[in-house]
């Protein structure tokens, strides 16, 4: 087997080896691409979860702020209720004192008596003494009326305070119910947020692992790429050598043919035979015939 055939066969073997290496490289590239896609999808899901976490945190904080405001409002209302209860106690005590001073006659009868005396004073000609007596009598009656008016005022105020307290207690009960619901919703939102955070951490860990595997796959490709480059370089070198060998053999073959043709032409010339144009040109180049 000639050197040329050996080199040709070696090129075929190296080409086959190159094909196998490239197939292996393609498989590793496919694996690396798959890992990169997995990593990117996991990172995308992680980013989505982070957005959800921020939204849930904002919802929770808003609910907590509302709960805080409602507690403050409830505490303020409770404080006002306590103030009104104290005022009721004070008014009740005041009413007890007034009750001891309460006239035996009713408010209406006292008022009628005052009006009757006033009318008498205004329409009747009285002595100074009599006028003085009636004025003093009116003053005493008005003092008794003042007690009645004060009792009526405190009684009215007590009723008003009790109505206000009842309304404020009802408001506090409704507020407490709403506050409790919001606090529970805040806890549920916080729990969901923590679940999303845990899920995000797990996905991030998985994405980081996928990225590490991607980098390892890329590292595994490098030796194959280096080997591919080495084989390609060897194939190119061998092809250059084969090309040079073929050109050399072709030239040797052409030279041998030329020598054969020259020899034939010289023999024909000796025999005086007619030369072909190609034979004539070959001998003319050697200076063996005159071109003129």
C-alpha atoms as a PDB file:
ATOM      1  CA  UNK A   1       0.000   0.000   0.000  1.00  0.00           C
ATOM      2  CA  UNK A   2       1.421   3.369  -1.033  1.00  0.00           C
ATOM      3  CA  UNK A   3       1.941   6.269   1.333  1.00  0.00           C
ATOM      4  CA  UNK A   4      -0.804   8.127  -0.503  1.00  0.00           C
ATOM      5  CA  UNK A   5      -3.314   5.326   0.115  1.00  0.00           C
ATOM      6  CA  UNK A   6      -2.297   5.090   3.757  1.00  0.00           C
ATOM      7  CA  UNK A   7      -2.792   8.815   4.230  1.00  0.00           C
ATOM      8  CA  UNK A   8      -6.150   8.687   2.432  1.00  0.00           C
ATOM      9  CA  UNK A   9      -7.325   5.874   4.706  1.00  0.00           C
ATOM     10  CA  UNK A  10      -6.060   7.796   7.748  1.00  0.00           C
ATOM     11  CA  UNK A  11      -8.067  10.837   6.606  1.00  0.00           C
ATOM     12  CA  UNK A  12     -11.173   8.647   6.347  1.00  0.00           C
ATOM     13  CA  UNK A  13     -10.593   7.286   9.881  1.00  0.00           C
ATOM     14  CA  UNK A  14     -10.013  10.780  11.264  1.00  0.00           C
ATOM     15  CA  UNK A  15     -13.134  12.069   9.467  1.00  0.00           C
ATOM     16  CA  UNK A  16     -15.152   9.282  11.095  1.00  0.00           C
ATOM     17  CA  UNK A  17     -13.602  10.143  14.470  1.00  0.00           C
ATOM     18  CA  UNK A  18     -14.402  13.823  13.830  1.00  0.00           C
ATOM     19  CA  UNK A  19     -18.042  12.947  13.105  1.00  0.00           C
ATOM     20  CA  UNK A  20     -18.299  10.994  16.375  1.00  0.00           C
ATOM     21  CA  UNK A  21     -16.701  13.834  18.323  1.00  0.00           C
ATOM     22  CA  UNK A  22     -19.073  16.359  16.772  1.00  0.00           C
ATOM     23  CA  UNK A  23     -22.046  14.164  17.581  1.00  0.00           C
ATOM     24  CA  UNK A  24     -20.838  13.941  21.183  1.00  0.00           C
ATOM     25  CA  UNK A  25     -20.315  17.729  21.224  1.00  0.00           C
ATOM     26  CA  UNK A  26     -23.848  18.270  19.837  1.00  0.00           C
ATOM     27  CA  UNK A  27     -25.301  16.027  22.553  1.00  0.00           C
ATOM     28  CA  UNK A  28     -23.456  17.970  25.245  1.00  0.00           C
ATOM     29  CA  UNK A  29     -24.539  21.270  23.687  1.00  0.00           C
ATOM     30  CA  UNK A  30     -28.138  20.020  23.665  1.00  0.00           C
ATOM     31  CA  UNK A  31     -27.799  19.030  27.314  1.00  0.00           C
ATOM     32  CA  UNK A  32     -26.281  22.434  28.192  1.00  0.00           C
ATOM     33  CA  UNK A  33     -29.009  24.232  26.241  1.00  0.00           C
ATOM     34  CA  UNK A  34     -31.680  22.247  28.097  1.00  0.00           C
ATOM     35  CA  UNK A  35     -30.096  23.136  31.437  1.00  0.00           C
ATOM     36  CA  UNK A  36     -29.911  26.808  30.446  1.00  0.00           C
ATOM     37  CA  UNK A  37     -33.605  26.768  29.474  1.00  0.00           C
ATOM     38  CA  UNK A  38     -34.509  25.081  32.759  1.00  0.00           C
ATOM     39  CA  UNK A  39     -32.444  27.656  34.697  1.00  0.00           C
ATOM     40  CA  UNK A  40     -34.031  30.582  32.839  1.00  0.00           C
ATOM     41  CA  UNK A  41     -37.569  29.271  33.363  1.00  0.00           C
ATOM     42  CA  UNK A  42     -36.903  28.738  37.073  1.00  0.00           C
ATOM     43  CA  UNK A  43     -35.456  32.242  37.375  1.00  0.00           C
ATOM     44  CA  UNK A  44     -38.490  33.640  35.570  1.00  0.00           C
ATOM     45  CA  UNK A  45     -40.826  31.834  37.978  1.00  0.00           C
ATOM     46  CA  UNK A  46     -38.697  33.111  40.883  1.00  0.00           C
ATOM     47  CA  UNK A  47     -39.069  36.687  39.634  1.00  0.00           C
ATOM     48  CA  UNK A  48     -42.822  36.162  39.328  1.00  0.00           C
ATOM     49  CA  UNK A  49     -42.994  34.881  42.902  1.00  0.00           C
ATOM     50  CA  UNK A  50     -40.971  37.847  44.138  1.00  0.00           C
ATOM     51  CA  UNK A  51     -43.535  40.159  42.537  1.00  0.00           C
ATOM     52  CA  UNK A  52     -46.330  38.209  44.256  1.00  0.00           C
ATOM     53  CA  UNK A  53     -44.452  38.459  47.579  1.00  0.00           C
ATOM     54  CA  UNK A  54     -44.170  42.243  47.207  1.00  0.00           C
ATOM     55  CA  UNK A  55     -47.896  42.495  46.405  1.00  0.00           C
ATOM     56  CA  UNK A  56     -48.828  40.296  49.384  1.00  0.00           C
ATOM     57  CA  UNK A  57     -46.515  42.288  51.684  1.00  0.00           C
ATOM     58  CA  UNK A  58     -48.169  45.526  50.532  1.00  0.00           C
ATOM     59  CA  UNK A  59     -51.631  44.019  51.154  1.00  0.00           C
ATOM     60  CA  UNK A  60     -50.581  42.788  54.608  1.00  0.00           C
ATOM     61  CA  UNK A  61     -49.039  46.146  55.551  1.00  0.00           C
ATOM     62  CA  UNK A  62     -52.163  47.978  54.377  1.00  0.00           C
ATOM     63  CA  UNK A  63     -54.361  45.661  56.460  1.00  0.00           C
ATOM     64  CA  UNK A  64     -52.084  46.072  59.490  1.00  0.00           C
ATOM     65  CA  UNK A  65     -52.223  49.849  59.092  1.00  0.00           C
ATOM     66  CA  UNK A  66     -56.027  49.733  58.906  1.00  0.00           C
ATOM     67  CA  UNK A  67     -56.165  47.447  61.957  1.00  0.00           C
ATOM     68  CA  UNK A  68     -53.902  49.852  63.865  1.00  0.00           C
ATOM     69  CA  UNK A  69     -56.092  52.834  62.959  1.00  0.00           C
ATOM     70  CA  UNK A  70     -59.231  50.920  63.924  1.00  0.00           C
ATOM     71  CA  UNK A  71     -57.714  49.927  67.284  1.00  0.00           C
ATOM     72  CA  UNK A  72     -56.794  53.543  67.940  1.00  0.00           C
ATOM     73  CA  UNK A  73     -60.341  54.609  67.039  1.00  0.00           C
ATOM     74  CA  UNK A  74     -61.791  51.868  69.260  1.00  0.00           C
ATOM     75  CA  UNK A  75     -59.523  52.868  72.165  1.00  0.00           C
ATOM     76  CA  UNK A  76     -60.466  56.514  71.691  1.00  0.00           C
ATOM     77  CA  UNK A  77     -64.174  55.599  71.679  1.00  0.00           C
ATOM     78  CA  UNK A  78     -63.706  53.417  74.772  1.00  0.00           C
ATOM     79  CA  UNK A  79     -61.996  56.319  76.544  1.00  0.00           C
ATOM     80  CA  UNK A  80     -64.925  58.582  75.609  1.00  0.00           C
ATOM     81  CA  UNK A  81     -67.365  55.960  76.928  1.00  0.00           C
ATOM     82  CA  UNK A  82     -65.469  55.925  80.234  1.00  0.00           C
ATOM     83  CA  UNK A  83     -65.642  59.745  80.368  1.00  0.00           C
ATOM     84  CA  UNK A  84     -69.391  59.687  79.753  1.00  0.00           C
ATOM     85  CA  UNK A  85     -69.869  56.944  82.365  1.00  0.00           C
ATOM     86  CA  UNK A  86     -68.028  59.138  84.868  1.00  0.00           C
ATOM     87  CA  UNK A  87     -70.240  62.073  83.875  1.00  0.00           C
ATOM     88  CA  UNK A  88     -73.332  59.897  84.407  1.00  0.00           C
ATOM     89  CA  UNK A  89     -72.078  58.978  87.890  1.00  0.00           C
ATOM     90  CA  UNK A  90     -71.538  62.658  88.676  1.00  0.00           C
ATOM     91  CA  UNK A  91     -75.006  63.601  87.396  1.00  0.00           C
ATOM     92  CA  UNK A  92     -76.635  60.747  89.296  1.00  0.00           C
ATOM     93  CA  UNK A  93     -74.991  61.978  92.496  1.00  0.00           C
ATOM     94  CA  UNK A  94     -76.081  65.526  91.668  1.00  0.00           C
ATOM     95  CA  UNK A  95     -79.628  64.284  91.093  1.00  0.00           C
ATOM     96  CA  UNK A  96     -79.602  62.565  94.465  1.00  0.00           C
ATOM     97  CA  UNK A  97     -78.733  65.888  96.133  1.00  0.00           C
ATOM     98  CA  UNK A  98     -81.367  67.700  94.069  1.00  0.00           C
ATOM     99  CA  UNK A  99     -83.957  65.070  94.908  1.00  0.00           C
ATOM    100  CA  UNK A 100     -83.630  66.019  98.565  1.00  0.00           C
ATOM    101  CA  UNK A 101     -84.345  69.647  97.596  1.00  0.00           C
ATOM    102  CA  UNK A 102     -87.169  68.777  95.222  1.00  0.00           C
ATOM    103  CA  UNK A 103     -90.349  70.783  96.083  1.00  0.00           C
ATOM    104  CA  UNK A 104     -93.508  68.938  96.999  1.00  0.00           C
ATOM    105  CA  UNK A 105     -95.410  70.848  94.357  1.00  0.00           C
ATOM    106  CA  UNK A 106     -95.032  69.956  90.703  1.00  0.00           C
ATOM    107  CA  UNK A 107     -93.229  72.094  88.141  1.00  0.00           C
ATOM    108  CA  UNK A 108     -96.550  72.975  86.473  1.00  0.00           C
ATOM    109  CA  UNK A 109     -98.317  74.050  89.643  1.00  0.00           C
ATOM    110  CA  UNK A 110     -95.354  76.173  90.730  1.00  0.00           C
ATOM    111  CA  UNK A 111     -95.205  77.804  87.296  1.00  0.00           C
ATOM    112  CA  UNK A 112     -98.924  78.546  87.403  1.00  0.00           C
ATOM    113  CA  UNK A 113     -98.589  80.081  90.857  1.00  0.00           C
ATOM    114  CA  UNK A 114     -95.695  82.302  89.713  1.00  0.00           C
ATOM    115  CA  UNK A 115     -97.680  83.461  86.693  1.00  0.00           C
ATOM    116  CA  UNK A 116    -100.732  84.169  88.882  1.00  0.00           C
ATOM    117  CA  UNK A 117     -98.712  86.284  91.337  1.00  0.00           C
ATOM    118  CA  UNK A 118     -96.955  88.105  88.480  1.00  0.00           C
ATOM    119  CA  UNK A 119    -100.333  88.926  87.011  1.00  0.00           C
ATOM    120  CA  UNK A 120    -101.540  90.230  90.367  1.00  0.00           C
ATOM    121  CA  UNK A 121     -98.474  92.427  90.768  1.00  0.00           C
ATOM    122  CA  UNK A 122     -98.885  93.817  87.266  1.00  0.00           C
ATOM    123  CA  UNK A 123    -102.655  94.427  87.337  1.00  0.00           C
ATOM    124  CA  UNK A 124    -103.459  95.261  90.965  1.00  0.00           C
ATOM    125  CA  UNK A 125    -102.691  98.378  92.929  1.00  0.00           C
ATOM    126  CA  UNK A 126    -100.798  97.120  95.958  1.00  0.00           C
ATOM    127  CA  UNK A 127     -99.190  98.643  98.963  1.00  0.00           C
ATOM    128  CA  UNK A 128     -95.436  98.597  99.092  1.00  0.00           C
ATOM    129  CA  UNK A 129     -95.493  96.020 101.832  1.00  0.00           C
ATOM    130  CA  UNK A 130     -97.895  93.760  99.936  1.00  0.00           C
ATOM    131  CA  UNK A 131     -95.872  94.180  96.747  1.00  0.00           C
ATOM    132  CA  UNK A 132     -92.688  93.288  98.600  1.00  0.00           C
ATOM    133  CA  UNK A 133     -94.323  90.157 100.067  1.00  0.00           C
ATOM    134  CA  UNK A 134     -95.521  88.992  96.649  1.00  0.00           C
ATOM    135  CA  UNK A 135     -92.084  89.593  95.065  1.00  0.00           C
ATOM    136  CA  UNK A 136     -90.430  87.565  97.830  1.00  0.00           C
ATOM    137  CA  UNK A 137     -93.013  84.826  97.322  1.00  0.00           C
ATOM    138  CA  UNK A 138     -92.232  84.759  93.578  1.00  0.00           C
ATOM    139  CA  UNK A 139     -88.517  84.521  94.318  1.00  0.00           C
ATOM    140  CA  UNK A 140     -89.095  81.516  96.591  1.00  0.00           C
ATOM    141  CA  UNK A 141     -91.288  79.878  93.970  1.00  0.00           C
ATOM    142  CA  UNK A 142     -88.684  80.522  91.257  1.00  0.00           C
ATOM    143  CA  UNK A 143     -86.016  78.971  93.488  1.00  0.00           C
ATOM    144  CA  UNK A 144     -88.190  75.869  93.720  1.00  0.00           C
ATOM    145  CA  UNK A 145     -88.733  76.002  89.941  1.00  0.00           C
ATOM    146  CA  UNK A 146     -84.957  76.203  89.469  1.00  0.00           C
ATOM    147  CA  UNK A 147     -84.612  72.917  91.348  1.00  0.00           C
ATOM    148  CA  UNK A 148     -87.203  71.350  89.068  1.00  0.00           C
ATOM    149  CA  UNK A 149     -85.417  72.743  85.985  1.00  0.00           C
ATOM    150  CA  UNK A 150     -82.044  71.497  87.185  1.00  0.00           C
ATOM    151  CA  UNK A 151     -83.465  68.015  87.839  1.00  0.00           C
ATOM    152  CA  UNK A 152     -85.063  68.030  84.382  1.00  0.00           C
ATOM    153  CA  UNK A 153     -81.792  69.171  82.774  1.00  0.00           C
ATOM    154  CA  UNK A 154     -79.706  66.503  84.505  1.00  0.00           C
ATOM    155  CA  UNK A 155     -82.319  63.870  83.750  1.00  0.00           C
ATOM    156  CA  UNK A 156     -82.310  64.892  80.089  1.00  0.00           C
ATOM    157  CA  UNK A 157     -78.516  64.941  80.048  1.00  0.00           C
ATOM    158  CA  UNK A 158     -78.422  61.464  81.635  1.00  0.00           C
ATOM    159  CA  UNK A 159     -80.737  60.126  78.963  1.00  0.00           C
ATOM    160  CA  UNK A 160     -78.638  61.762  76.252  1.00  0.00           C
ATOM    161  CA  UNK A 161     -75.401  60.329  77.696  1.00  0.00           C
ATOM    162  CA  UNK A 162     -76.896  56.822  77.951  1.00  0.00           C
ATOM    163  CA  UNK A 163     -78.060  57.057  74.312  1.00  0.00           C
ATOM    164  CA  UNK A 164     -74.592  58.229  73.232  1.00  0.00           C
ATOM    165  CA  UNK A 165     -72.914  55.422  75.199  1.00  0.00           C
ATOM    166  CA  UNK A 166     -75.247  52.854  73.654  1.00  0.00           C
ATOM    167  CA  UNK A 167     -74.452  54.156  70.148  1.00  0.00           C
ATOM    168  CA  UNK A 168     -70.708  54.230  70.876  1.00  0.00           C
ATOM    169  CA  UNK A 169     -70.780  50.669  72.250  1.00  0.00           C
ATOM    170  CA  UNK A 170     -72.631  49.509  69.136  1.00  0.00           C
ATOM    171  CA  UNK A 171     -70.034  51.300  66.998  1.00  0.00           C
ATOM    172  CA  UNK A 172     -67.217  49.644  68.976  1.00  0.00           C
ATOM    173  CA  UNK A 173     -68.789  46.211  68.555  1.00  0.00           C
ATOM    174  CA  UNK A 174     -69.064  46.698  64.785  1.00  0.00           C
ATOM    175  CA  UNK A 175     -65.534  48.100  64.720  1.00  0.00           C
ATOM    176  CA  UNK A 176     -64.221  45.148  66.722  1.00  0.00           C
ATOM    177  CA  UNK A 177     -65.873  42.704  64.327  1.00  0.00           C
ATOM    178  CA  UNK A 178     -64.379  44.431  61.286  1.00  0.00           C
ATOM    179  CA  UNK A 179     -61.025  44.770  63.045  1.00  0.00           C
ATOM    180  CA  UNK A 180     -60.980  41.044  63.853  1.00  0.00           C
ATOM    181  CA  UNK A 181     -61.794  40.151  60.233  1.00  0.00           C
ATOM    182  CA  UNK A 182     -59.029  42.406  58.908  1.00  0.00           C
ATOM    183  CA  UNK A 183     -56.521  41.054  61.456  1.00  0.00           C
ATOM    184  CA  UNK A 184     -57.393  37.490  60.400  1.00  0.00           C
ATOM    185  CA  UNK A 185     -57.070  38.437  56.724  1.00  0.00           C
ATOM    186  CA  UNK A 186     -53.702  40.041  57.495  1.00  0.00           C
ATOM    187  CA  UNK A 187     -52.519  36.800  59.148  1.00  0.00           C
ATOM    188  CA  UNK A 188     -53.705  34.751  56.149  1.00  0.00           C
ATOM    189  CA  UNK A 189     -51.969  37.160  53.762  1.00  0.00           C
ATOM    190  CA  UNK A 190     -48.775  36.975  55.835  1.00  0.00           C
ATOM    191  CA  UNK A 191     -48.938  33.174  55.745  1.00  0.00           C
ATOM    192  CA  UNK A 192     -49.361  33.186  51.945  1.00  0.00           C
ATOM    193  CA  UNK A 193     -46.434  35.598  51.667  1.00  0.00           C
ATOM    194  CA  UNK A 194     -44.185  33.285  53.723  1.00  0.00           C
ATOM    195  CA  UNK A 195     -45.257  30.312  51.563  1.00  0.00           C
ATOM    196  CA  UNK A 196     -44.359  32.269  48.415  1.00  0.00           C
ATOM    197  CA  UNK A 197     -41.003  33.244  49.937  1.00  0.00           C
ATOM    198  CA  UNK A 198     -40.239  29.582  50.735  1.00  0.00           C
ATOM    199  CA  UNK A 199     -41.297  28.549  47.223  1.00  0.00           C
ATOM    200  CA  UNK A 200     -39.155  31.322  45.748  1.00  0.00           C
ATOM    201  CA  UNK A 201     -36.118  30.182  47.774  1.00  0.00           C
ATOM    202  CA  UNK A 202     -36.616  26.571  46.665  1.00  0.00           C
ATOM    203  CA  UNK A 203     -36.881  27.629  42.999  1.00  0.00           C
ATOM    204  CA  UNK A 204     -33.810  29.845  43.339  1.00  0.00           C
ATOM    205  CA  UNK A 205     -31.832  26.915  44.766  1.00  0.00           C
ATOM    206  CA  UNK A 206     -33.048  24.700  41.904  1.00  0.00           C
ATOM    207  CA  UNK A 207     -32.137  27.418  39.364  1.00  0.00           C
ATOM    208  CA  UNK A 208     -28.653  27.786  40.883  1.00  0.00           C
ATOM    209  CA  UNK A 209     -28.146  24.009  40.690  1.00  0.00           C
ATOM    210  CA  UNK A 210     -29.271  24.028  37.041  1.00  0.00           C
ATOM    211  CA  UNK A 211     -26.774  26.829  36.343  1.00  0.00           C
ATOM    212  CA  UNK A 212     -23.962  24.854  38.010  1.00  0.00           C
ATOM    213  CA  UNK A 213     -24.847  21.810  35.899  1.00  0.00           C
ATOM    214  CA  UNK A 214     -24.909  24.070  32.815  1.00  0.00           C
ATOM    215  CA  UNK A 215     -21.385  25.319  33.592  1.00  0.00           C
ATOM    216  CA  UNK A 216     -20.188  21.736  34.157  1.00  0.00           C
ATOM    217  CA  UNK A 217     -21.700  20.678  30.816  1.00  0.00           C
ATOM    218  CA  UNK A 218     -19.889  23.560  29.131  1.00  0.00           C
ATOM    219  CA  UNK A 219     -16.636  22.466  30.775  1.00  0.00           C
ATOM    220  CA  UNK A 220     -17.195  18.905  29.540  1.00  0.00           C
ATOM    221  CA  UNK A 221     -17.536  20.272  25.984  1.00  0.00           C
ATOM    222  CA  UNK A 222     -14.119  21.976  26.029  1.00  0.00           C
ATOM    223  CA  UNK A 223     -11.958  18.772  25.813  1.00  0.00           C
ATOM    224  CA  UNK A 224     -14.094  17.545  22.892  1.00  0.00           C
ATOM    225  CA  UNK A 225     -13.731  20.918  21.169  1.00  0.00           C
ATOM    226  CA  UNK A 226      -9.986  20.796  21.687  1.00  0.00           C
ATOM    227  CA  UNK A 227      -9.887  17.241  20.307  1.00  0.00           C
ATOM    228  CA  UNK A 228     -12.069  18.292  17.362  1.00  0.00           C
ATOM    229  CA  UNK A 229      -9.677  21.147  16.599  1.00  0.00           C
ATOM    230  CA  UNK A 230      -6.706  18.774  16.859  1.00  0.00           C
ATOM    231  CA  UNK A 231      -8.335  16.218  14.520  1.00  0.00           C
ATOM    232  CA  UNK A 232      -9.342  18.984  12.069  1.00  0.00           C
ATOM    233  CA  UNK A 233      -5.785  20.258  12.079  1.00  0.00           C
ATOM    234  CA  UNK A 234      -4.473  16.731  11.462  1.00  0.00           C
ATOM    235  CA  UNK A 235      -6.974  16.181   8.620  1.00  0.00           C
ATOM    236  CA  UNK A 236      -5.995  19.490   6.990  1.00  0.00           C
ATOM    237  CA  UNK A 237      -2.319  18.616   7.269  1.00  0.00           C
ATOM    238  CA  UNK A 238      -2.864  15.162   5.771  1.00  0.00           C
ATOM    239  CA  UNK A 239      -5.019  16.589   2.954  1.00  0.00           C
ATOM    240  CA  UNK A 240      -2.266  19.092   2.170  1.00  0.00           C
ATOM    241  CA  UNK A 241       0.267  16.260   2.127  1.00  0.00           C
ATOM    242  CA  UNK A 242      -2.004  14.118  -0.104  1.00  0.00           C
ATOM    243  CA  UNK A 243      -2.521  17.094  -2.446  1.00  0.00           C
ATOM    244  CA  UNK A 244       1.231  17.664  -2.647  1.00  0.00           C
ATOM    245  CA  UNK A 245       1.814  13.937  -3.189  1.00  0.00           C
ATOM    246  CA  UNK A 246      -0.813  13.814  -5.943  1.00  0.00           C
ATOM    247  CA  UNK A 247       0.679  16.874  -7.603  1.00  0.00           C
ATOM    248  CA  UNK A 248       4.161  15.339  -7.384  1.00  0.00           C
ATOM    249  CA  UNK A 249       2.936  12.036  -8.845  1.00  0.00           C
ATOM    250  CA  UNK A 250       1.049  13.904 -11.558  1.00  0.00           C
ATOM    251  CA  UNK A 251       4.160  15.860 -12.425  1.00  0.00           C
ATOM    252  CA  UNK A 252       6.272  12.706 -12.492  1.00  0.00           C
ATOM    253  CA  UNK A 253       3.694  11.057 -14.703  1.00  0.00           C
ATOM    254  CA  UNK A 254       3.631  14.053 -17.022  1.00  0.00           C
ATOM    255  CA  UNK A 255       7.432  14.124 -17.170  1.00  0.00           C
ATOM    256  CA  UNK A 256       7.566  10.392 -17.913  1.00  0.00           C
ATOM    257  CA  UNK A 257       4.993  10.815 -20.673  1.00  0.00           C
ATOM    258  CA  UNK A 258       6.933  13.748 -22.083  1.00  0.00           C
ATOM    259  CA  UNK A 259      10.147  11.726 -22.105  1.00  0.00           C
ATOM    260  CA  UNK A 260       8.351   8.878 -23.890  1.00  0.00           C
ATOM    261  CA  UNK A 261       6.923  11.249 -26.483  1.00  0.00           C
ATOM    262  CA  UNK A 262      10.335  12.883 -27.002  1.00  0.00           C
ATOM    263  CA  UNK A 263      11.953   9.505 -27.504  1.00  0.00           C
ATOM    264  CA  UNK A 264       9.268   8.508 -29.987  1.00  0.00           C
ATOM    265  CA  UNK A 265       9.687  11.812 -31.847  1.00  0.00           C
ATOM    266  CA  UNK A 266      13.457  11.427 -32.013  1.00  0.00           C
ATOM    267  CA  UNK A 267      13.114   7.911 -33.440  1.00  0.00           C
ATOM    268  CA  UNK A 268      10.582   9.153 -36.037  1.00  0.00           C
ATOM    269  CA  UNK A 269      12.933  12.013 -36.915  1.00  0.00           C
ATOM    270  CA  UNK A 270      15.808   9.569 -37.437  1.00  0.00           C
ATOM    271  CA  UNK A 271      13.600   7.485 -39.644  1.00  0.00           C
ATOM    272  CA  UNK A 272      12.558  10.577 -41.577  1.00  0.00           C
ATOM    273  CA  UNK A 273       8.926  10.178 -40.673  1.00  0.00           C
ATOM    274  CA  UNK A 274       6.589  13.102 -40.427  1.00  0.00           C
ATOM    275  CA  UNK A 275       6.210  14.490 -36.875  1.00  0.00           C
ATOM    276  CA  UNK A 276       2.944  15.488 -35.248  1.00  0.00           C
ATOM    277  CA  UNK A 277       2.621  19.099 -34.103  1.00  0.00           C
ATOM    278  CA  UNK A 278       2.994  18.033 -30.455  1.00  0.00           C
ATOM    279  CA  UNK A 279       6.115  15.969 -31.299  1.00  0.00           C
ATOM    280  CA  UNK A 280       7.550  18.841 -33.303  1.00  0.00           C
ATOM    281  CA  UNK A 281       6.991  21.266 -30.404  1.00  0.00           C
ATOM    282  CA  UNK A 282       8.691  18.894 -27.933  1.00  0.00           C
ATOM    283  CA  UNK A 283      11.830  18.581 -30.141  1.00  0.00           C
ATOM    284  CA  UNK A 284      11.840  22.290 -30.901  1.00  0.00           C
ATOM    285  CA  UNK A 285      11.936  23.071 -27.195  1.00  0.00           C
ATOM    286  CA  UNK A 286      15.025  20.842 -26.967  1.00  0.00           C
ATOM    287  CA  UNK A 287      16.573  22.603 -29.974  1.00  0.00           C
ATOM    288  CA  UNK A 288      16.597  19.370 -31.909  1.00  0.00           C
ATOM    289  CA  UNK A 289      14.668  20.803 -34.907  1.00  0.00           C
ATOM    290  CA  UNK A 290      14.567  24.203 -36.572  1.00  0.00           C
ATOM    291  CA  UNK A 291      11.242  25.956 -35.943  1.00  0.00           C
ATOM    292  CA  UNK A 292      11.681  27.996 -39.187  1.00  0.00           C
END
